[in-house]
PDB file of N, CA and C in Angstrom:
ATOM      1  N   ASN A   1     108.987 113.150 113.696  1.00  0.00           N
ATOM      2  CA  ASN A   1     110.189 112.360 114.144  1.00  0.00           C
ATOM      3  C   ASN A   1     110.623 112.330 115.550  1.00  0.00           C
ATOM      4  N   ALA A   2     110.574 111.326 116.318  1.00  0.00           N
ATOM      5  CA  ALA A   2     111.130 111.121 117.713  1.00  0.00           C
ATOM      6  C   ALA A   2     112.928 111.449 117.772  1.00  0.00           C
ATOM      7  N   GLU A   3     113.155 110.567 116.527  1.00  0.00           N
ATOM      8  CA  GLU A   3     114.631 110.388 116.401  1.00  0.00           C
ATOM      9  C   GLU A   3     115.380 111.806 116.135  1.00  0.00           C
ATOM     10  N   ARG A   4     114.543 112.365 115.080  1.00  0.00           N
ATOM     11  CA  ARG A   4     115.365 113.973 114.738  1.00  0.00           C
ATOM     12  C   ARG A   4     116.546 113.386 114.139  1.00  0.00           C
ATOM     13  N   SER A   5     116.479 112.940 113.051  1.00  0.00           N
ATOM     14  CA  SER A   5     117.628 112.332 112.103  1.00  0.00           C
ATOM     15  C   SER A   5     116.637 111.990 110.648  1.00  0.00           C
ATOM     16  N   PRO A   6     117.739 112.650 109.740  1.00  0.00           N
ATOM     17  CA  PRO A   6     117.439 112.790 108.681  1.00  0.00           C
ATOM     18  C   PRO A   6     117.522 111.266 107.648  1.00  0.00           C
ATOM     19  N   THR A   7     118.099 110.461 108.417  1.00  0.00           N
ATOM     20  CA  THR A   7     117.901 109.006 107.868  1.00  0.00           C
ATOM     21  C   THR A   7     117.114 107.869 108.604  1.00  0.00           C
ATOM     22  N   PHE A   8     116.776 108.360 109.789  1.00  0.00           N
ATOM     23  CA  PHE A   8     115.981 107.255 110.495  1.00  0.00           C
ATOM     24  C   PHE A   8     114.674 107.622 111.228  1.00  0.00           C
ATOM     25  N   TYR A   9     113.519 107.147 111.154  1.00  0.00           N
ATOM     26  CA  TYR A   9     112.298 107.484 111.408  1.00  0.00           C
ATOM     27  C   TYR A   9     111.685 106.725 112.775  1.00  0.00           C
ATOM     28  N   ARG A  10     111.435 107.305 113.706  1.00  0.00           N
ATOM     29  CA  ARG A  10     110.787 106.732 114.710  1.00  0.00           C
ATOM     30  C   ARG A  10     109.796 107.333 115.670  1.00  0.00           C
ATOM     31  N   PHE A  11     108.657 106.731 115.675  1.00  0.00           N
ATOM     32  CA  PHE A  11     107.652 107.517 116.023  1.00  0.00           C
ATOM     33  C   PHE A  11     107.821 107.585 117.687  1.00  0.00           C
ATOM     34  N   ASP A  12     107.148 108.996 117.906  1.00  0.00           N
ATOM     35  CA  ASP A  12     106.797 108.860 119.591  1.00  0.00           C
ATOM     36  C   ASP A  12     106.294 108.186 120.136  1.00  0.00           C
ATOM     37  N   SER A  13     106.757 107.394 121.098  1.00  0.00           N
ATOM     38  CA  SER A  13     106.107 105.986 121.678  1.00  0.00           C
ATOM     39  C   SER A  13     104.784 106.152 122.430  1.00  0.00           C
ATOM     40  N   LEU A  14     104.617 107.546 123.041  1.00  0.00           N
ATOM     41  CA  LEU A  14     103.319 107.735 123.429  1.00  0.00           C
ATOM     42  C   LEU A  14     102.235 107.911 122.743  1.00  0.00           C
ATOM     43  N   GLU A  15     102.891 108.551 121.675  1.00  0.00           N
ATOM     44  CA  GLU A  15     101.953 108.901 120.489  1.00  0.00           C
ATOM     45  C   GLU A  15     101.498 107.478 120.070  1.00  0.00           C
ATOM     46  N   GLN A  16     102.161 106.737 119.410  1.00  0.00           N
ATOM     47  CA  GLN A  16     102.107 105.424 118.877  1.00  0.00           C
ATOM     48  C   GLN A  16     101.514 104.539 119.838  1.00  0.00           C
ATOM     49  N   LEU A  17     101.306 104.303 121.437  1.00  0.00           N
ATOM     50  CA  LEU A  17     100.569 103.720 122.066  1.00  0.00           C
ATOM     51  C   LEU A  17      99.589 104.275 122.032  1.00  0.00           C
ATOM     52  N   LYS A  18      99.185 105.860 122.278  1.00  0.00           N
ATOM     53  CA  LYS A  18      97.770 106.684 122.407  1.00  0.00           C
ATOM     54  C   LYS A  18      96.983 105.432 120.942  1.00  0.00           C
ATOM     55  N   VAL A  19      97.547 105.767 119.564  1.00  0.00           N
ATOM     56  CA  VAL A  19      97.204 105.377 118.429  1.00  0.00           C
ATOM     57  C   VAL A  19      96.627 103.829 118.530  1.00  0.00           C
ATOM     58  N   TRP A  20      97.258 102.904 119.188  1.00  0.00           N
ATOM     59  CA  TRP A  20      97.251 101.850 119.039  1.00  0.00           C
ATOM     60  C   TRP A  20      96.233 101.131 120.169  1.00  0.00           C
ATOM     61  N   ARG A  21      96.187 101.818 121.207  1.00  0.00           N
ATOM     62  CA  ARG A  21      94.880 101.899 122.155  1.00  0.00           C
ATOM     63  C   ARG A  21      93.514 102.269 121.552  1.00  0.00           C
ATOM     64  N   GLN A  22      93.935 103.391 120.591  1.00  0.00           N
ATOM     65  CA  GLN A  22      92.477 103.962 120.091  1.00  0.00           C
ATOM     66  C   GLN A  22      92.280 102.789 119.239  1.00  0.00           C
ATOM     67  N   MET A  23      92.832 102.387 118.389  1.00  0.00           N
ATOM     68  CA  MET A  23      92.545 101.081 117.564  1.00  0.00           C
ATOM     69  C   MET A  23      92.161  99.863 117.942  1.00  0.00           C
ATOM     70  N   ASP A  24      92.598  99.653 119.310  1.00  0.00           N
ATOM     71  CA  ASP A  24      92.304  98.525 120.248  1.00  0.00           C
ATOM     72  C   ASP A  24      90.603  98.527 120.567  1.00  0.00           C
ATOM     73  N   ALA A  25      90.403  99.771 120.871  1.00  0.00           N
ATOM     74  CA  ALA A  25      89.187 100.388 121.430  1.00  0.00           C
ATOM     75  C   ALA A  25      88.239 100.220 120.520  1.00  0.00           C
ATOM     76  N   ALA A  26      88.385 100.398 119.339  1.00  0.00           N
ATOM     77  CA  ALA A  26      87.454 100.585 118.226  1.00  0.00           C
ATOM     78  C   ALA A  26      87.718  98.995 117.531  1.00  0.00           C
ATOM     79  N   ASP A  27      88.198  97.929 117.687  1.00  0.00           N
ATOM     80  CA  ASP A  27      88.523  96.752 117.226  1.00  0.00           C
ATOM     81  C   ASP A  27      89.153  97.104 115.742  1.00  0.00           C
ATOM     82  N   GLU A  28      89.529  97.851 115.487  1.00  0.00           N
ATOM     83  CA  GLU A  28      90.439  98.017 114.157  1.00  0.00           C
ATOM     84  C   GLU A  28      91.955  97.618 114.253  1.00  0.00           C
ATOM     85  N   GLU A  29      92.130  97.296 113.109  1.00  0.00           N
ATOM     86  CA  GLU A  29      93.773  96.431 112.593  1.00  0.00           C
ATOM     87  C   GLU A  29      94.526  97.678 111.731  1.00  0.00           C
ATOM     88  N   PRO A  30      95.502  97.750 111.571  1.00  0.00           N
ATOM     89  CA  PRO A  30      96.414  98.649 110.518  1.00  0.00           C
ATOM     90  C   PRO A  30      96.384  97.713 109.268  1.00  0.00           C
ATOM     91  N   VAL A  31      96.225  98.383 108.371  1.00  0.00           N
ATOM     92  CA  VAL A  31      96.075  97.517 106.814  1.00  0.00           C
ATOM     93  C   VAL A  31      97.096  97.824 106.175  1.00  0.00           C
ATOM     94  N   VAL A  32      97.295  99.108 106.173  1.00  0.00           N
ATOM     95  CA  VAL A  32      98.873  99.634 105.381  1.00  0.00           C
ATOM     96  C   VAL A  32      99.457 100.572 106.340  1.00  0.00           C
ATOM     97  N   ILE A  33     100.913 100.537 106.151  1.00  0.00           N
ATOM     98  CA  ILE A  33     102.006 100.694 107.038  1.00  0.00           C
ATOM     99  C   ILE A  33     102.603 101.463 105.717  1.00  0.00           C
ATOM    100  N   TYR A  34     103.158 102.705 105.771  1.00  0.00           N
ATOM    101  CA  TYR A  34     103.819 103.034 104.687  1.00  0.00           C
ATOM    102  C   TYR A  34     104.577 104.091 105.335  1.00  0.00           C
ATOM    103  N   HIS A  35     105.776 104.293 104.551  1.00  0.00           N
ATOM    104  CA  HIS A  35     106.816 105.652 104.592  1.00  0.00           C
ATOM    105  C   HIS A  35     107.714 105.420 103.141  1.00  0.00           C
ATOM    106  N   SER A  36     108.377 106.629 103.484  1.00  0.00           N
ATOM    107  CA  SER A  36     109.442 106.472 102.238  1.00  0.00           C
ATOM    108  C   SER A  36     110.631 106.328 102.696  1.00  0.00           C
ATOM    109  N   HIS A  37     111.941 106.272 101.243  1.00  0.00           N
ATOM    110  CA  HIS A  37     113.111 106.176 101.448  1.00  0.00           C
ATOM    111  C   HIS A  37     113.533 106.895 100.446  1.00  0.00           C
ATOM    112  N   THR A  38     114.257 108.011 101.277  1.00  0.00           N
ATOM    113  CA  THR A  38     114.439 109.395 100.187  1.00  0.00           C
ATOM    114  C   THR A  38     116.075 108.943  99.289  1.00  0.00           C
ATOM    115  N   ALA A  39     116.797 107.978  99.674  1.00  0.00           N
ATOM    116  CA  ALA A  39     118.242 107.374  99.033  1.00  0.00           C
ATOM    117  C   ALA A  39     118.154 106.396  98.537  1.00  0.00           C
ATOM    118  N   THR A  40     117.364 105.404  98.651  1.00  0.00           N
ATOM    119  CA  THR A  40     117.360 104.267  98.564  1.00  0.00           C
ATOM    120  C   THR A  40     115.862 103.462  97.647  1.00  0.00           C
ATOM    121  N   GLU A  41     116.138 102.208  97.505  1.00  0.00           N
ATOM    122  CA  GLU A  41     115.280 102.234  96.417  1.00  0.00           C
ATOM    123  C   GLU A  41     113.863 101.612  97.357  1.00  0.00           C
ATOM    124  N   ALA A  42     112.734 101.560  96.959  1.00  0.00           N
ATOM    125  CA  ALA A  42     111.381 101.013  97.686  1.00  0.00           C
ATOM    126  C   ALA A  42     111.306  99.567  98.338  1.00  0.00           C
ATOM    127  N   TYR A  43     112.687  99.138  99.159  1.00  0.00           N
ATOM    128  CA  TYR A  43     112.394  98.006  99.514  1.00  0.00           C
ATOM    129  C   TYR A  43     112.960  97.805 100.913  1.00  0.00           C
ATOM    130  N   PRO A  44     112.181  96.975 101.507  1.00  0.00           N
ATOM    131  CA  PRO A  44     112.173  97.338 103.268  1.00  0.00           C
ATOM    132  C   PRO A  44     113.788  96.745 103.526  1.00  0.00           C
ATOM    133  N   SER A  45     114.380  98.127 104.580  1.00  0.00           N
ATOM    134  CA  SER A  45     115.682  97.601 105.006  1.00  0.00           C
ATOM    135  C   SER A  45     115.664  96.525 105.923  1.00  0.00           C
ATOM    136  N   ARG A  46     116.485  96.771 106.606  1.00  0.00           N
ATOM    137  CA  ARG A  46     116.916  95.709 107.468  1.00  0.00           C
ATOM    138  C   ARG A  46     116.112  96.084 108.641  1.00  0.00           C
ATOM    139  N   THR A  47     116.082  97.361 109.030  1.00  0.00           N
ATOM    140  CA  THR A  47     115.792  97.866 110.284  1.00  0.00           C
ATOM    141  C   THR A  47     113.783  98.091 110.078  1.00  0.00           C
ATOM    142  N   ASP A  48     113.555  97.973 109.069  1.00  0.00           N
ATOM    143  CA  ASP A  48     112.006  98.085 108.548  1.00  0.00           C
ATOM    144  C   ASP A  48     111.559  96.626 108.920  1.00  0.00           C
ATOM    145  N   ILE A  49     112.486  95.384 108.521  1.00  0.00           N
ATOM    146  CA  ILE A  49     111.901  94.201 108.573  1.00  0.00           C
ATOM    147  C   ILE A  49     111.992  93.834 110.090  1.00  0.00           C
ATOM    148  N   SER A  50     112.894  94.085 110.557  1.00  0.00           N
ATOM    149  CA  SER A  50     113.012  94.031 112.118  1.00  0.00           C
ATOM    150  C   SER A  50     111.782  94.495 112.882  1.00  0.00           C
ATOM    151  N   TYR A  51     111.192  95.624 112.489  1.00  0.00           N
ATOM    152  CA  TYR A  51     110.398  96.936 113.130  1.00  0.00           C
ATOM    153  C   TYR A  51     108.796  95.989 112.496  1.00  0.00           C
ATOM    154  N   ALA A  52     108.631  95.480 111.891  1.00  0.00           N
ATOM    155  CA  ALA A  52     107.473  94.688 110.931  1.00  0.00           C
ATOM    156  C   ALA A  52     106.730  93.888 111.911  1.00  0.00           C
ATOM    157  N   SER A  53     105.974  94.420 112.546  1.00  0.00           N
ATOM    158  CA  SER A  53     105.319  93.760 113.665  1.00  0.00           C
ATOM    159  C   SER A  53     103.948  93.464 113.253  1.00  0.00           C
ATOM    160  N   GLU A  54     103.346  93.699 112.010  1.00  0.00           N
ATOM    161  CA  GLU A  54     101.747  93.031 112.042  1.00  0.00           C
ATOM    162  C   GLU A  54     101.747  92.160 110.362  1.00  0.00           C
ATOM    163  N   PRO A  55     101.588  91.333 110.819  1.00  0.00           N
ATOM    164  CA  PRO A  55     101.867  90.283 109.560  1.00  0.00           C
ATOM    165  C   PRO A  55     100.519  90.164 108.374  1.00  0.00           C
ATOM    166  N   ALA A  56      99.512  90.904 109.078  1.00  0.00           N
ATOM    167  CA  ALA A  56      98.313  91.351 107.920  1.00  0.00           C
ATOM    168  C   ALA A  56      98.118  92.410 106.954  1.00  0.00           C
ATOM    169  N   ALA A  57      99.359  93.294 107.692  1.00  0.00           N
ATOM    170  CA  ALA A  57      99.415  94.616 107.016  1.00  0.00           C
ATOM    171  C   ALA A  57     100.527  94.207 105.792  1.00  0.00           C
ATOM    172  N   HIS A  58      99.804  95.883 104.950  1.00  0.00           N
ATOM    173  CA  HIS A  58     100.469  96.107 103.557  1.00  0.00           C
ATOM    174  C   HIS A  58     101.702  96.983 104.031  1.00  0.00           C
ATOM    175  N   TYR A  59     102.423  96.660 103.765  1.00  0.00           N
ATOM    176  CA  TYR A  59     103.828  97.836 104.046  1.00  0.00           C
ATOM    177  C   TYR A  59     104.240  98.440 102.685  1.00  0.00           C
ATOM    178  N   VAL A  60     103.817  99.725 102.660  1.00  0.00           N
ATOM    179  CA  VAL A  60     104.127 100.104 101.076  1.00  0.00           C
ATOM    180  C   VAL A  60     105.114 101.412 101.142  1.00  0.00           C
ATOM    181  N   LEU A  61     105.792 101.194 100.387  1.00  0.00           N
ATOM    182  CA  LEU A  61     107.326 102.255 100.130  1.00  0.00           C
ATOM    183  C   LEU A  61     107.327 102.705  99.008  1.00  0.00           C
ATOM    184  N   VAL A  62     107.775 104.199  99.405  1.00  0.00           N
ATOM    185  CA  VAL A  62     107.924 105.055  98.287  1.00  0.00           C
ATOM    186  C   VAL A  62     109.468 105.269  97.929  1.00  0.00           C
ATOM    187  N   SER A  63     110.022 105.250  97.099  1.00  0.00           N
ATOM    188  CA  SER A  63     111.375 106.048  97.343  1.00  0.00           C
ATOM    189  C   SER A  63     111.634 106.770  96.182  1.00  0.00           C
ATOM    190  N   THR A  64     111.885 108.084  96.662  1.00  0.00           N
ATOM    191  CA  THR A  64     111.930 109.353  96.282  1.00  0.00           C
ATOM    192  C   THR A  64     113.351 109.884  95.694  1.00  0.00           C
ATOM    193  N   ARG A  65     114.632 108.473  95.462  1.00  0.00           N
ATOM    194  CA  ARG A  65     115.519 109.108  95.267  1.00  0.00           C
ATOM    195  C   ARG A  65     115.819 109.704  93.852  1.00  0.00           C
ATOM    196  N   ASP A  66     115.226 109.325  92.842  1.00  0.00           N
ATOM    197  CA  ASP A  66     114.806 109.951  91.460  1.00  0.00           C
ATOM    198  C   ASP A  66     113.833 110.499  91.848  1.00  0.00           C
ATOM    199  N   PRO A  67     114.165 112.219  91.632  1.00  0.00           N
ATOM    200  CA  PRO A  67     112.992 113.061  91.793  1.00  0.00           C
ATOM    201  C   PRO A  67     112.008 113.394  90.552  1.00  0.00           C
ATOM    202  N   GLU A  68     112.476 112.853  89.461  1.00  0.00           N
ATOM    203  CA  GLU A  68     111.418 112.501  88.347  1.00  0.00           C
ATOM    204  C   GLU A  68     110.468 111.481  88.018  1.00  0.00           C
ATOM    205  N   ASP A  69     110.861 110.254  89.217  1.00  0.00           N
ATOM    206  CA  ASP A  69     109.873 109.309  88.428  1.00  0.00           C
ATOM    207  C   ASP A  69     110.421 108.572  90.131  1.00  0.00           C
ATOM    208  N   HIS A  70     109.201 108.821  90.897  1.00  0.00           N
ATOM    209  CA  HIS A  70     109.059 108.215  92.274  1.00  0.00           C
ATOM    210  C   HIS A  70     108.762 106.598  91.993  1.00  0.00           C
ATOM    211  N   GLU A  71     109.344 105.578  93.097  1.00  0.00           N
ATOM    212  CA  GLU A  71     109.069 104.223  92.793  1.00  0.00           C
ATOM    213  C   GLU A  71     108.240 103.826  94.201  1.00  0.00           C
ATOM    214  N   LEU A  72     106.876 103.356  93.880  1.00  0.00           N
ATOM    215  CA  LEU A  72     106.010 102.497  94.825  1.00  0.00           C
ATOM    216  C   LEU A  72     105.585 101.122  94.665  1.00  0.00           C
ATOM    217  N   ARG A  73     106.033 100.594  95.924  1.00  0.00           N
ATOM    218  CA  ARG A  73     106.129  99.179  95.965  1.00  0.00           C
ATOM    219  C   ARG A  73     105.486  98.392  97.272  1.00  0.00           C
ATOM    220  N   SER A  74     104.783  97.479  97.337  1.00  0.00           N
ATOM    221  CA  SER A  74     104.065  96.916  98.680  1.00  0.00           C
ATOM    222  C   SER A  74     104.593  95.605  99.027  1.00  0.00           C
ATOM    223  N   TYR A  75     104.383  95.308  99.834  1.00  0.00           N
ATOM    224  CA  TYR A  75     105.266  93.966 100.810  1.00  0.00           C
ATOM    225  C   TYR A  75     104.460  93.585 101.781  1.00  0.00           C
ATOM    226  N   ARG A  76     104.332  92.102 102.149  1.00  0.00           N
ATOM    227  CA  ARG A  76     104.045  91.762 103.126  1.00  0.00           C
ATOM    228  C   ARG A  76     105.171  91.169 103.843  1.00  0.00           C
ATOM    229  N   ILE A  77     105.324  91.512 105.304  1.00  0.00           N
ATOM    230  CA  ILE A  77     106.478  90.800 106.042  1.00  0.00           C
ATOM    231  C   ILE A  77     106.121  90.189 106.970  1.00  0.00           C
ATOM    232  N   VAL A  78     106.450  88.754 107.125  1.00  0.00           N
ATOM    233  CA  VAL A  78     106.151  87.768 108.396  1.00  0.00           C
ATOM    234  C   VAL A  78     106.893  87.262 108.565  1.00  0.00           C
ATOM    235  N   ASP A  79     107.538  87.261 110.014  1.00  0.00           N
ATOM    236  CA  ASP A  79     108.461  86.271 110.368  1.00  0.00           C
ATOM    237  C   ASP A  79     109.834  86.884 109.779  1.00  0.00           C
ATOM    238  N   GLY A  80     109.898  88.079 109.536  1.00  0.00           N
ATOM    239  CA  GLY A  80     111.405  88.349 108.975  1.00  0.00           C
ATOM    240  C   GLY A  80     111.195  88.228 107.296  1.00  0.00           C
ATOM    241  N   LYS A  81     110.185  87.425 106.849  1.00  0.00           N
ATOM    242  CA  LYS A  81     110.318  87.157 104.787  1.00  0.00           C
ATOM    243  C   LYS A  81     109.593  88.251 104.392  1.00  0.00           C
ATOM    244  N   VAL A  82     110.187  88.842 103.869  1.00  0.00           N
ATOM    245  CA  VAL A  82     109.376  89.720 102.527  1.00  0.00           C
ATOM    246  C   VAL A  82     108.822  89.445 101.466  1.00  0.00           C
ATOM    247  N   THR A  83     107.679  89.501 100.814  1.00  0.00           N
ATOM    248  CA  THR A  83     107.126  89.026  99.862  1.00  0.00           C
ATOM    249  C   THR A  83     107.043  90.529  99.013  1.00  0.00           C
ATOM    250  N   GLU A  84     106.928  90.620  98.044  1.00  0.00           N
ATOM    251  CA  GLU A  84     106.562  91.596  97.518  1.00  0.00           C
ATOM    252  C   GLU A  84     104.893  91.180  96.673  1.00  0.00           C
ATOM    253  N   GLU A  85     103.995  92.229  96.682  1.00  0.00           N
ATOM    254  CA  GLU A  85     102.661  91.943  96.086  1.00  0.00           C
ATOM    255  C   GLU A  85     102.600  93.089  95.080  1.00  0.00           C
ATOM    256  N   PRO A  86     101.609  92.670  94.254  1.00  0.00           N
ATOM    257  CA  PRO A  86     101.300  93.949  93.154  1.00  0.00           C
ATOM    258  C   PRO A  86     100.772  95.031  93.700  1.00  0.00           C
ATOM    259  N   VAL A  87     100.809  96.152  92.517  1.00  0.00           N
ATOM    260  CA  VAL A  87     100.286  97.375  93.360  1.00  0.00           C
ATOM    261  C   VAL A  87      99.715  97.960  91.965  1.00  0.00           C
ATOM    262  N   GLU A  88      98.641  98.542  92.099  1.00  0.00           N
ATOM    263  CA  GLU A  88      97.869  98.993  90.821  1.00  0.00           C
ATOM    264  C   GLU A  88      97.795 100.478  91.077  1.00  0.00           C
ATOM    265  N   VAL A  89      97.726 101.076  90.196  1.00  0.00           N
ATOM    266  CA  VAL A  89      97.708 102.997  90.380  1.00  0.00           C
ATOM    267  C   VAL A  89      97.047 103.131  89.488  1.00  0.00           C
ATOM    268  N   VAL A  90      95.731 103.816  89.931  1.00  0.00           N
ATOM    269  CA  VAL A  90      94.389 104.077  88.915  1.00  0.00           C
ATOM    270  C   VAL A  90      94.646 105.850  89.243  1.00  0.00           C
ATOM    271  N   GLU A  91      93.820 105.952  88.084  1.00  0.00           N
ATOM    272  CA  GLU A  91      93.934 107.349  87.955  1.00  0.00           C
ATOM    273  C   GLU A  91      92.821 108.205  88.677  1.00  0.00           C
ATOM    274  N   ASN A  92      91.518 107.472  88.831  1.00  0.00           N
ATOM    275  CA  ASN A  92      90.039 107.594  89.642  1.00  0.00           C
ATOM    276  C   ASN A  92      89.680 106.461  90.070  1.00  0.00           C
ATOM    277  N   TYR A  93      89.246 106.871  91.189  1.00  0.00           N
ATOM    278  CA  TYR A  93      88.525 105.488  91.768  1.00  0.00           C
ATOM    279  C   TYR A  93      87.089 106.415  92.369  1.00  0.00           C
ATOM    280  N   MET A  94      85.826 105.951  92.058  1.00  0.00           N
ATOM    281  CA  MET A  94      84.943 105.874  92.283  1.00  0.00           C
ATOM    282  C   MET A  94      84.137 105.366  93.653  1.00  0.00           C
ATOM    283  N   PHE A  95      83.936 105.510  94.707  1.00  0.00           N
ATOM    284  CA  PHE A  95      83.234 104.698  95.763  1.00  0.00           C
ATOM    285  C   PHE A  95      82.388 105.874  96.250  1.00  0.00           C
ATOM    286  N   THR A  96      81.085 105.392  96.305  1.00  0.00           N
ATOM    287  CA  THR A  96      79.852 106.205  97.281  1.00  0.00           C
ATOM    288  C   THR A  96      79.663 105.376  98.389  1.00  0.00           C
ATOM    289  N   HIS A  97      79.871 106.054  99.399  1.00  0.00           N
ATOM    290  CA  HIS A  97      79.873 105.248 100.699  1.00  0.00           C
ATOM    291  C   HIS A  97      78.567 105.670 101.535  1.00  0.00           C
ATOM    292  N   THR A  98      77.471 104.547 101.537  1.00  0.00           N
ATOM    293  CA  THR A  98      75.760 105.059 101.560  1.00  0.00           C
ATOM    294  C   THR A  98      75.410 104.281 102.695  1.00  0.00           C
ATOM    295  N   GLY A  99      76.209 103.844 103.742  1.00  0.00           N
ATOM    296  CA  GLY A  99      76.271 103.420 105.036  1.00  0.00           C
ATOM    297  C   GLY A  99      76.272 101.822 105.075  1.00  0.00           C
ATOM    298  N   ALA A 100      75.680 101.353 105.926  1.00  0.00           N
ATOM    299  CA  ALA A 100      75.884  99.632 106.315  1.00  0.00           C
ATOM    300  C   ALA A 100      75.357  99.081 105.136  1.00  0.00           C
ATOM    301  N   ASP A 101      74.578  99.127 104.439  1.00  0.00           N
ATOM    302  CA  ASP A 101      74.573  98.643 103.317  1.00  0.00           C
ATOM    303  C   ASP A 101      75.040  98.658 102.221  1.00  0.00           C
ATOM    304  N   ASP A 102      76.164  99.358 102.191  1.00  0.00           N
ATOM    305  CA  ASP A 102      77.160  99.121 100.890  1.00  0.00           C
ATOM    306  C   ASP A 102      78.097  98.372 100.816  1.00  0.00           C
ATOM    307  N   VAL A 103      78.149  97.042 101.176  1.00  0.00           N
ATOM    308  CA  VAL A 103      79.063  96.012 101.035  1.00  0.00           C
ATOM    309  C   VAL A 103      77.803  94.733 100.384  1.00  0.00           C
ATOM    310  N   PRO A 104      78.418  94.415  99.420  1.00  0.00           N
ATOM    311  CA  PRO A 104      77.341  93.612  98.169  1.00  0.00           C
ATOM    312  C   PRO A 104      77.039  91.987  98.997  1.00  0.00           C
ATOM    313  N   ASP A 105      76.104  91.644  98.616  1.00  0.00           N
ATOM    314  CA  ASP A 105      75.394  90.605  99.474  1.00  0.00           C
ATOM    315  C   ASP A 105      75.911  89.522  98.680  1.00  0.00           C
ATOM    316  N   PRO A 106      76.305  88.285  99.360  1.00  0.00           N
ATOM    317  CA  PRO A 106      77.450  87.357  98.792  1.00  0.00           C
ATOM    318  C   PRO A 106      76.722  86.531  98.080  1.00  0.00           C
ATOM    319  N   ARG A 107      75.640  86.559  97.782  1.00  0.00           N
ATOM    320  CA  ARG A 107      74.705  85.405  97.406  1.00  0.00           C
ATOM    321  C   ARG A 107      75.283  84.969  95.630  1.00  0.00           C
TER     322      ARG A 107
END
């Protein structure tokens, strides 16, 4: 945490730039951006919304304010508009990566 704060998190700007450049060079885009709220609900704060710059990304928030029952929610944030999306938590997920041919044929 470049901010060194218990209530606000900020990436180190040089580290973040390095990651974005690596993603760009690999033709990758962020799919999920996640973080936790330790004292509030799992809903984007005004700061979260103002920093949300990836309209295609899923913004996942976990609230740990209740130590017995953590709350996980996902949102799309586009032009300041927050839209919640469903999340399904599964116990097990099996996926075997076999190479380039593991994508189903769209017939």
